[in-house]
Amino acid sequence: MSLYRSLILVASISALAALSGCAKDPSKDAPAAKVSEPAPEEKAAEPAPAPAPVAAAAAPSPTAAAPAAALPLTGAIDFIGSKVTGSHFGHFKEFTGTVALKDGKPEGGHLDFTVQTASLFTTDENPMREKLEGHLKSPDFFDVAKYPTATFTSTEIAAGGPNGATHTIKGKLTLRGVTKDVEFPATIAVAGKDISGKTEFSINRKDFGIVYAGMPDNLIRDGVVLKIDVKATLP
């Protein structure tokens, strides 16, 4: 066999070995969130003329529903990031959030979160766990010193969603100082006084300025899975 053919054979075997060693990409199994640039702020409307004074204010309609109070959320916010050779499973220890229903239903209600990014830790078995967590908190990724919080505020909760989801949530996600409009499916249930919500979707980390590529032989994938499982209790 010629030297040229030998080199081609070795290269082919190496390529096949590399391909067979690639770990599964978890973001391919989660629905991708729709991510877009935030809509520009609408120009404030001219103030309406003041109404003529009246003898007494009209009584509120007895059928008008009072806005529901925001209820505190508890639960878990997790993420999965991956590279060519495997995945890392992460969790945020500290977050606050609220949910509000409208007429006892999620649709038309409101949802918000504030996550303390420095509370990040990894849950996978990894002998270099502390080093990994430090790297994730560094400017290469979340840059927790400069951006101590990540936030989400809903702009719409609508009934219905793909793949069995009960609702579709739209809102503004701010991560690493970058704000995007996002849309993702969720499963929300109200049973008695219990409210529960679950969602799992993927985002492209580069949309939020996280562009670190990783090692040349172990590149980091762009897709990151977010997993949220929360609940609240009605008074």
C-alpha atoms as a PDB file:
ATOM      1  CA  MET A   1       0.000   0.000   0.000  1.00  0.00           C
ATOM      2  CA  SER A   2       1.343   3.429  -0.908  1.00  0.00           C
ATOM      3  CA  LEU A   3       2.123   6.023   1.729  1.00  0.00           C
ATOM      4  CA  TYR A   4      -0.628   8.268   0.346  1.00  0.00           C
ATOM      5  CA  ARG A   5      -3.255   5.532   0.685  1.00  0.00           C
ATOM      6  CA  SER A   6      -2.015   4.701   4.175  1.00  0.00           C
ATOM      7  CA  LEU A   7      -2.435   8.305   5.257  1.00  0.00           C
ATOM      8  CA  ILE A   8      -5.939   8.440   3.783  1.00  0.00           C
ATOM      9  CA  LEU A   9      -6.879   5.234   5.617  1.00  0.00           C
ATOM     10  CA  VAL A  10      -5.546   6.532   8.936  1.00  0.00           C
ATOM     11  CA  ALA A  11      -7.379   9.832   8.497  1.00  0.00           C
ATOM     12  CA  SER A  12     -10.626   8.013   7.676  1.00  0.00           C
ATOM     13  CA  ILE A  13     -10.355   5.760  10.712  1.00  0.00           C
ATOM     14  CA  SER A  14      -9.605   8.774  12.943  1.00  0.00           C
ATOM     15  CA  ALA A  15     -12.605  10.644  11.572  1.00  0.00           C
ATOM     16  CA  LEU A  16     -14.913   7.689  12.167  1.00  0.00           C
ATOM     17  CA  ALA A  17     -13.593   7.281  15.685  1.00  0.00           C
ATOM     18  CA  ALA A  18     -14.175  10.960  16.412  1.00  0.00           C
ATOM     19  CA  LEU A  19     -17.706  10.792  15.082  1.00  0.00           C
ATOM     20  CA  SER A  20     -18.546   7.690  17.041  1.00  0.00           C
ATOM     21  CA  GLY A  21     -17.234   9.390  20.186  1.00  0.00           C
ATOM     22  CA  CYS A  22     -19.501  12.433  19.875  1.00  0.00           C
ATOM     23  CA  ALA A  23     -21.934  12.727  22.752  1.00  0.00           C
ATOM     24  CA  LYS A  24     -25.627  13.320  22.146  1.00  0.00           C
ATOM     25  CA  ASP A  25     -26.762  16.933  21.902  1.00  0.00           C
ATOM     26  CA  PRO A  26     -29.562  17.364  24.516  1.00  0.00           C
ATOM     27  CA  SER A  27     -30.782  20.595  22.910  1.00  0.00           C
ATOM     28  CA  LYS A  28     -31.981  18.569  19.913  1.00  0.00           C
ATOM     29  CA  ASP A  29     -34.558  16.832  22.140  1.00  0.00           C
ATOM     30  CA  ALA A  30     -36.074  20.052  23.512  1.00  0.00           C
ATOM     31  CA  PRO A  31     -38.283  22.483  21.582  1.00  0.00           C
ATOM     32  CA  ALA A  32     -36.334  25.558  20.550  1.00  0.00           C
ATOM     33  CA  ALA A  33     -37.618  28.841  21.935  1.00  0.00           C
ATOM     34  CA  LYS A  34     -38.475  31.499  19.388  1.00  0.00           C
ATOM     35  CA  VAL A  35     -35.989  34.300  20.020  1.00  0.00           C
ATOM     36  CA  SER A  36     -36.144  37.744  18.444  1.00  0.00           C
ATOM     37  CA  GLU A  37     -35.003  41.296  19.011  1.00  0.00           C
ATOM     38  CA  PRO A  38     -37.234  43.252  21.400  1.00  0.00           C
ATOM     39  CA  ALA A  39     -39.825  45.418  19.715  1.00  0.00           C
ATOM     40  CA  PRO A  40     -38.922  49.132  19.808  1.00  0.00           C
ATOM     41  CA  GLU A  41     -40.537  51.155  22.534  1.00  0.00           C
ATOM     42  CA  GLU A  42     -43.821  52.652  21.373  1.00  0.00           C
ATOM     43  CA  LYS A  43     -43.984  56.425  21.418  1.00  0.00           C
ATOM     44  CA  ALA A  44     -46.024  57.628  24.359  1.00  0.00           C
ATOM     45  CA  ALA A  45     -49.469  58.770  23.323  1.00  0.00           C
ATOM     46  CA  GLU A  46     -50.489  62.390  23.821  1.00  0.00           C
ATOM     47  CA  PRO A  47     -52.300  62.794  27.155  1.00  0.00           C
ATOM     48  CA  ALA A  48     -56.080  62.843  26.801  1.00  0.00           C
ATOM     49  CA  PRO A  49     -57.925  66.015  27.826  1.00  0.00           C
ATOM     50  CA  ALA A  50     -59.005  66.006  31.459  1.00  0.00           C
ATOM     51  CA  PRO A  51     -62.681  65.041  31.844  1.00  0.00           C
ATOM     52  CA  ALA A  52     -65.148  67.609  33.075  1.00  0.00           C
ATOM     53  CA  PRO A  53     -65.671  67.481  36.842  1.00  0.00           C
ATOM     54  CA  VAL A  54     -68.628  65.443  38.038  1.00  0.00           C
ATOM     55  CA  ALA A  55     -70.559  65.497  41.249  1.00  0.00           C
ATOM     56  CA  ALA A  56     -69.473  62.000  42.299  1.00  0.00           C
ATOM     57  CA  ALA A  57     -67.331  59.217  40.902  1.00  0.00           C
ATOM     58  CA  ALA A  58     -69.213  56.403  39.262  1.00  0.00           C
ATOM     59  CA  ALA A  59     -69.386  53.252  41.368  1.00  0.00           C
ATOM     60  CA  PRO A  60     -67.308  50.339  40.046  1.00  0.00           C
ATOM     61  CA  SER A  61     -69.175  47.631  38.232  1.00  0.00           C
ATOM     62  CA  PRO A  62     -70.011  44.767  40.605  1.00  0.00           C
ATOM     63  CA  THR A  63     -68.976  42.290  37.911  1.00  0.00           C
ATOM     64  CA  ALA A  64     -65.498  43.766  37.347  1.00  0.00           C
ATOM     65  CA  ALA A  65     -62.834  41.269  38.411  1.00  0.00           C
ATOM     66  CA  ALA A  66     -60.129  42.624  40.684  1.00  0.00           C
ATOM     67  CA  PRO A  67     -56.602  41.947  39.455  1.00  0.00           C
ATOM     68  CA  ALA A  68     -55.186  38.821  41.054  1.00  0.00           C
ATOM     69  CA  ALA A  69     -52.378  39.220  43.535  1.00  0.00           C
ATOM     70  CA  ALA A  70     -48.923  38.047  42.544  1.00  0.00           C
ATOM     71  CA  LEU A  71     -48.089  34.790  44.298  1.00  0.00           C
ATOM     72  CA  PRO A  72     -44.525  33.751  45.197  1.00  0.00           C
ATOM     73  CA  LEU A  73     -43.041  30.803  43.309  1.00  0.00           C
ATOM     74  CA  THR A  74     -40.903  27.963  44.594  1.00  0.00           C
ATOM     75  CA  GLY A  75     -39.233  25.166  42.657  1.00  0.00           C
ATOM     76  CA  ALA A  76     -36.201  24.628  40.464  1.00  0.00           C
ATOM     77  CA  ILE A  77     -34.464  26.274  37.511  1.00  0.00           C
ATOM     78  CA  ASP A  78     -31.944  23.992  35.785  1.00  0.00           C
ATOM     79  CA  PHE A  79     -29.916  24.015  32.597  1.00  0.00           C
ATOM     80  CA  ILE A  80     -27.993  21.545  30.441  1.00  0.00           C
ATOM     81  CA  GLY A  81     -25.002  22.602  28.366  1.00  0.00           C
ATOM     82  CA  SER A  82     -23.048  20.235  26.158  1.00  0.00           C
ATOM     83  CA  LYS A  83     -19.872  19.851  24.162  1.00  0.00           C
ATOM     84  CA  VAL A  84     -18.588  17.220  21.769  1.00  0.00           C
ATOM     85  CA  THR A  85     -17.611  14.792  24.526  1.00  0.00           C
ATOM     86  CA  GLY A  86     -20.511  15.167  26.951  1.00  0.00           C
ATOM     87  CA  SER A  87     -22.997  17.304  28.867  1.00  0.00           C
ATOM     88  CA  HIS A  88     -22.936  19.366  32.051  1.00  0.00           C
ATOM     89  CA  PHE A  89     -26.019  19.672  34.260  1.00  0.00           C
ATOM     90  CA  GLY A  90     -26.464  22.920  36.174  1.00  0.00           C
ATOM     91  CA  HIS A  91     -28.827  24.412  38.732  1.00  0.00           C
ATOM     92  CA  PHE A  92     -29.457  27.832  40.276  1.00  0.00           C
ATOM     93  CA  LYS A  93     -29.844  27.756  44.053  1.00  0.00           C
ATOM     94  CA  GLU A  94     -31.348  31.218  44.380  1.00  0.00           C
ATOM     95  CA  PHE A  95     -34.198  32.796  42.462  1.00  0.00           C
ATOM     96  CA  THR A  96     -37.374  34.730  43.163  1.00  0.00           C
ATOM     97  CA  GLY A  97     -40.491  34.732  41.046  1.00  0.00           C
ATOM     98  CA  THR A  98     -44.199  35.419  41.039  1.00  0.00           C
ATOM     99  CA  VAL A  99     -47.245  34.287  39.120  1.00  0.00           C
ATOM    100  CA  ALA A 100     -50.645  35.955  38.842  1.00  0.00           C
ATOM    101  CA  LEU A 101     -53.797  34.429  37.375  1.00  0.00           C
ATOM    102  CA  LYS A 102     -56.596  36.244  35.593  1.00  0.00           C
ATOM    103  CA  ASP A 103     -60.106  35.207  36.578  1.00  0.00           C
ATOM    104  CA  GLY A 104     -58.583  32.079  38.083  1.00  0.00           C
ATOM    105  CA  LYS A 105     -56.819  31.031  34.857  1.00  0.00           C
ATOM    106  CA  PRO A 106     -53.207  31.244  33.614  1.00  0.00           C
ATOM    107  CA  GLU A 107     -54.136  32.745  30.246  1.00  0.00           C
ATOM    108  CA  GLY A 108     -53.997  36.508  30.506  1.00  0.00           C
ATOM    109  CA  GLY A 109     -51.988  36.226  33.725  1.00  0.00           C
ATOM    110  CA  HIS A 110     -48.409  37.192  34.465  1.00  0.00           C
ATOM    111  CA  LEU A 111     -45.121  35.466  35.311  1.00  0.00           C
ATOM    112  CA  ASP A 112     -41.689  36.773  36.269  1.00  0.00           C
ATOM    113  CA  PHE A 113     -38.329  35.481  37.545  1.00  0.00           C
ATOM    114  CA  THR A 114     -35.106  36.957  38.876  1.00  0.00           C
ATOM    115  CA  VAL A 115     -32.209  34.502  39.112  1.00  0.00           C
ATOM    116  CA  GLN A 116     -29.029  35.115  41.103  1.00  0.00           C
ATOM    117  CA  THR A 117     -26.421  33.908  38.609  1.00  0.00           C
ATOM    118  CA  ALA A 118     -23.683  33.471  41.235  1.00  0.00           C
ATOM    119  CA  SER A 119     -25.822  30.734  42.842  1.00  0.00           C
ATOM    120  CA  LEU A 120     -25.009  28.466  39.882  1.00  0.00           C
ATOM    121  CA  PHE A 121     -23.657  25.000  40.628  1.00  0.00           C
ATOM    122  CA  THR A 122     -23.274  21.796  38.622  1.00  0.00           C
ATOM    123  CA  THR A 123     -24.925  18.507  39.517  1.00  0.00           C
ATOM    124  CA  ASP A 124     -23.101  16.045  37.264  1.00  0.00           C
ATOM    125  CA  GLU A 125     -20.329  13.835  38.622  1.00  0.00           C
ATOM    126  CA  ASN A 126     -17.144  15.662  37.680  1.00  0.00           C
ATOM    127  CA  PRO A 127     -13.783  15.582  39.505  1.00  0.00           C
ATOM    128  CA  MET A 128     -13.117  19.093  38.169  1.00  0.00           C
ATOM    129  CA  ARG A 129     -16.469  20.377  39.403  1.00  0.00           C
ATOM    130  CA  GLU A 130     -15.206  23.447  41.264  1.00  0.00           C
ATOM    131  CA  LYS A 131     -13.041  24.489  38.327  1.00  0.00           C
ATOM    132  CA  LEU A 132     -16.000  24.018  35.961  1.00  0.00           C
ATOM    133  CA  GLU A 133     -18.302  26.109  38.139  1.00  0.00           C
ATOM    134  CA  GLY A 134     -15.694  28.850  38.369  1.00  0.00           C
ATOM    135  CA  HIS A 135     -15.335  28.867  34.597  1.00  0.00           C
ATOM    136  CA  LEU A 136     -19.116  29.058  34.088  1.00  0.00           C
ATOM    137  CA  LYS A 137     -19.248  32.071  36.414  1.00  0.00           C
ATOM    138  CA  SER A 138     -16.346  33.778  34.589  1.00  0.00           C
ATOM    139  CA  PRO A 139     -16.584  36.323  31.725  1.00  0.00           C
ATOM    140  CA  ASP A 140     -16.378  33.405  29.266  1.00  0.00           C
ATOM    141  CA  PHE A 141     -19.923  32.434  30.220  1.00  0.00           C
ATOM    142  CA  PHE A 142     -22.337  34.062  32.729  1.00  0.00           C
ATOM    143  CA  ASP A 143     -19.899  36.736  33.979  1.00  0.00           C
ATOM    144  CA  VAL A 144     -21.674  36.805  37.338  1.00  0.00           C
ATOM    145  CA  ALA A 145     -19.586  39.670  38.734  1.00  0.00           C
ATOM    146  CA  LYS A 146     -20.790  42.019  35.982  1.00  0.00           C
ATOM    147  CA  TYR A 147     -24.251  40.511  35.500  1.00  0.00           C
ATOM    148  CA  PRO A 148     -25.419  39.227  38.914  1.00  0.00           C
ATOM    149  CA  THR A 149     -28.994  38.556  37.791  1.00  0.00           C
ATOM    150  CA  ALA A 150     -30.879  37.039  34.883  1.00  0.00           C
ATOM    151  CA  THR A 151     -34.536  37.977  34.531  1.00  0.00           C
ATOM    152  CA  PHE A 152     -37.689  36.984  32.688  1.00  0.00           C
ATOM    153  CA  THR A 153     -40.955  38.947  32.497  1.00  0.00           C
ATOM    154  CA  SER A 154     -43.923  37.602  30.591  1.00  0.00           C
ATOM    155  CA  THR A 155     -45.825  39.725  28.102  1.00  0.00           C
ATOM    156  CA  GLU A 156     -48.451  37.101  27.224  1.00  0.00           C
ATOM    157  CA  ILE A 157     -49.662  33.724  28.495  1.00  0.00           C
ATOM    158  CA  ALA A 158     -51.975  32.098  25.960  1.00  0.00           C
ATOM    159  CA  ALA A 159     -53.814  28.780  25.991  1.00  0.00           C
ATOM    160  CA  GLY A 160     -52.477  26.008  23.752  1.00  0.00           C
ATOM    161  CA  GLY A 161     -49.033  24.950  22.633  1.00  0.00           C
ATOM    162  CA  PRO A 162     -47.099  22.348  20.606  1.00  0.00           C
ATOM    163  CA  ASN A 163     -46.426  18.745  21.609  1.00  0.00           C
ATOM    164  CA  GLY A 164     -49.063  18.581  24.316  1.00  0.00           C
ATOM    165  CA  ALA A 165     -48.189  21.867  26.039  1.00  0.00           C
ATOM    166  CA  THR A 166     -51.173  23.552  27.675  1.00  0.00           C
ATOM    167  CA  HIS A 167     -49.905  27.100  27.168  1.00  0.00           C
ATOM    168  CA  THR A 168     -47.530  29.308  25.206  1.00  0.00           C
ATOM    169  CA  ILE A 169     -45.592  31.957  27.100  1.00  0.00           C
ATOM    170  CA  LYS A 170     -44.093  35.077  25.536  1.00  0.00           C
ATOM    171  CA  GLY A 171     -41.852  37.507  27.340  1.00  0.00           C
ATOM    172  CA  LYS A 172     -38.536  39.271  27.710  1.00  0.00           C
ATOM    173  CA  LEU A 173     -35.490  37.277  28.811  1.00  0.00           C
ATOM    174  CA  THR A 174     -32.415  39.171  29.960  1.00  0.00           C
ATOM    175  CA  LEU A 175     -29.254  37.094  30.244  1.00  0.00           C
ATOM    176  CA  ARG A 176     -25.713  38.447  30.531  1.00  0.00           C
ATOM    177  CA  GLY A 177     -27.053  41.951  29.956  1.00  0.00           C
ATOM    178  CA  VAL A 178     -28.763  41.048  26.649  1.00  0.00           C
ATOM    179  CA  THR A 179     -32.554  41.254  26.384  1.00  0.00           C
ATOM    180  CA  LYS A 180     -34.499  39.248  23.794  1.00  0.00           C
ATOM    181  CA  ASP A 181     -38.141  38.509  23.145  1.00  0.00           C
ATOM    182  CA  VAL A 182     -38.699  34.776  23.656  1.00  0.00           C
ATOM    183  CA  GLU A 183     -41.623  32.401  23.135  1.00  0.00           C
ATOM    184  CA  PHE A 184     -41.805  28.856  24.498  1.00  0.00           C
ATOM    185  CA  PRO A 185     -44.354  26.137  25.376  1.00  0.00           C
ATOM    186  CA  ALA A 186     -45.280  25.268  28.964  1.00  0.00           C
ATOM    187  CA  THR A 187     -47.592  23.029  30.922  1.00  0.00           C
ATOM    188  CA  ILE A 188     -49.537  24.980  33.550  1.00  0.00           C
ATOM    189  CA  ALA A 189     -52.195  23.508  35.836  1.00  0.00           C
ATOM    190  CA  VAL A 190     -54.521  24.978  38.456  1.00  0.00           C
ATOM    191  CA  ALA A 191     -56.008  22.416  40.830  1.00  0.00           C
ATOM    192  CA  GLY A 192     -57.798  23.780  43.850  1.00  0.00           C
ATOM    193  CA  LYS A 193     -55.337  26.158  45.479  1.00  0.00           C
ATOM    194  CA  ASP A 194     -52.307  24.639  43.775  1.00  0.00           C
ATOM    195  CA  ILE A 195     -50.679  26.197  40.695  1.00  0.00           C
ATOM    196  CA  SER A 196     -47.912  24.280  38.931  1.00  0.00           C
ATOM    197  CA  GLY A 197     -45.869  25.058  35.856  1.00  0.00           C
ATOM    198  CA  LYS A 198     -43.255  23.151  33.889  1.00  0.00           C
ATOM    199  CA  THR A 199     -41.308  23.931  30.755  1.00  0.00           C
ATOM    200  CA  GLU A 200     -38.251  22.655  28.941  1.00  0.00           C
ATOM    201  CA  PHE A 201     -36.851  24.437  25.903  1.00  0.00           C
ATOM    202  CA  SER A 202     -33.549  25.319  24.271  1.00  0.00           C
ATOM    203  CA  ILE A 203     -31.954  28.664  23.486  1.00  0.00           C
ATOM    204  CA  ASN A 204     -28.870  29.566  21.471  1.00  0.00           C
ATOM    205  CA  ARG A 205     -26.303  30.868  23.967  1.00  0.00           C
ATOM    206  CA  LYS A 206     -24.754  33.104  21.300  1.00  0.00           C
ATOM    207  CA  ASP A 207     -28.004  35.077  21.088  1.00  0.00           C
ATOM    208  CA  PHE A 208     -27.155  36.296  24.601  1.00  0.00           C
ATOM    209  CA  GLY A 209     -23.469  37.051  24.063  1.00  0.00           C
ATOM    210  CA  ILE A 210     -22.057  33.761  25.368  1.00  0.00           C
ATOM    211  CA  VAL A 211     -19.671  32.972  22.538  1.00  0.00           C
ATOM    212  CA  TYR A 212     -16.823  31.017  24.170  1.00  0.00           C
ATOM    213  CA  ALA A 213     -15.981  28.213  21.723  1.00  0.00           C
ATOM    214  CA  GLY A 214     -14.176  25.721  23.949  1.00  0.00           C
ATOM    215  CA  MET A 215     -11.151  23.605  23.093  1.00  0.00           C
ATOM    216  CA  PRO A 216     -10.471  22.926  19.386  1.00  0.00           C
ATOM    217  CA  ASP A 217     -10.970  19.185  19.905  1.00  0.00           C
ATOM    218  CA  ASN A 218     -13.965  19.559  22.253  1.00  0.00           C
ATOM    219  CA  LEU A 219     -16.121  22.386  20.965  1.00  0.00           C
ATOM    220  CA  ILE A 220     -19.030  23.675  23.038  1.00  0.00           C
ATOM    221  CA  ARG A 221     -22.430  23.431  21.372  1.00  0.00           C
ATOM    222  CA  ASP A 222     -24.572  26.510  20.913  1.00  0.00           C
ATOM    223  CA  GLY A 223     -27.841  25.014  22.191  1.00  0.00           C
ATOM    224  CA  VAL A 224     -28.523  25.172  25.955  1.00  0.00           C
ATOM    225  CA  VAL A 225     -31.563  23.517  27.539  1.00  0.00           C
ATOM    226  CA  LEU A 226     -33.498  25.413  30.231  1.00  0.00           C
ATOM    227  CA  LYS A 227     -35.725  23.394  32.564  1.00  0.00           C
ATOM    228  CA  ILE A 228     -38.158  25.170  34.890  1.00  0.00           C
ATOM    229  CA  ASP A 229     -40.421  23.424  37.402  1.00  0.00           C
ATOM    230  CA  VAL A 230     -42.270  25.757  39.785  1.00  0.00           C
ATOM    231  CA  LYS A 231     -45.399  25.975  41.897  1.00  0.00           C
ATOM    232  CA  ALA A 232     -47.434  28.477  43.904  1.00  0.00           C
ATOM    233  CA  THR A 233     -50.352  28.296  46.342  1.00  0.00           C
ATOM    234  CA  LEU A 234     -53.490  30.407  46.210  1.00  0.00           C
ATOM    235  CA  PRO A 235     -54.527  32.066  49.499  1.00  0.00           C
END
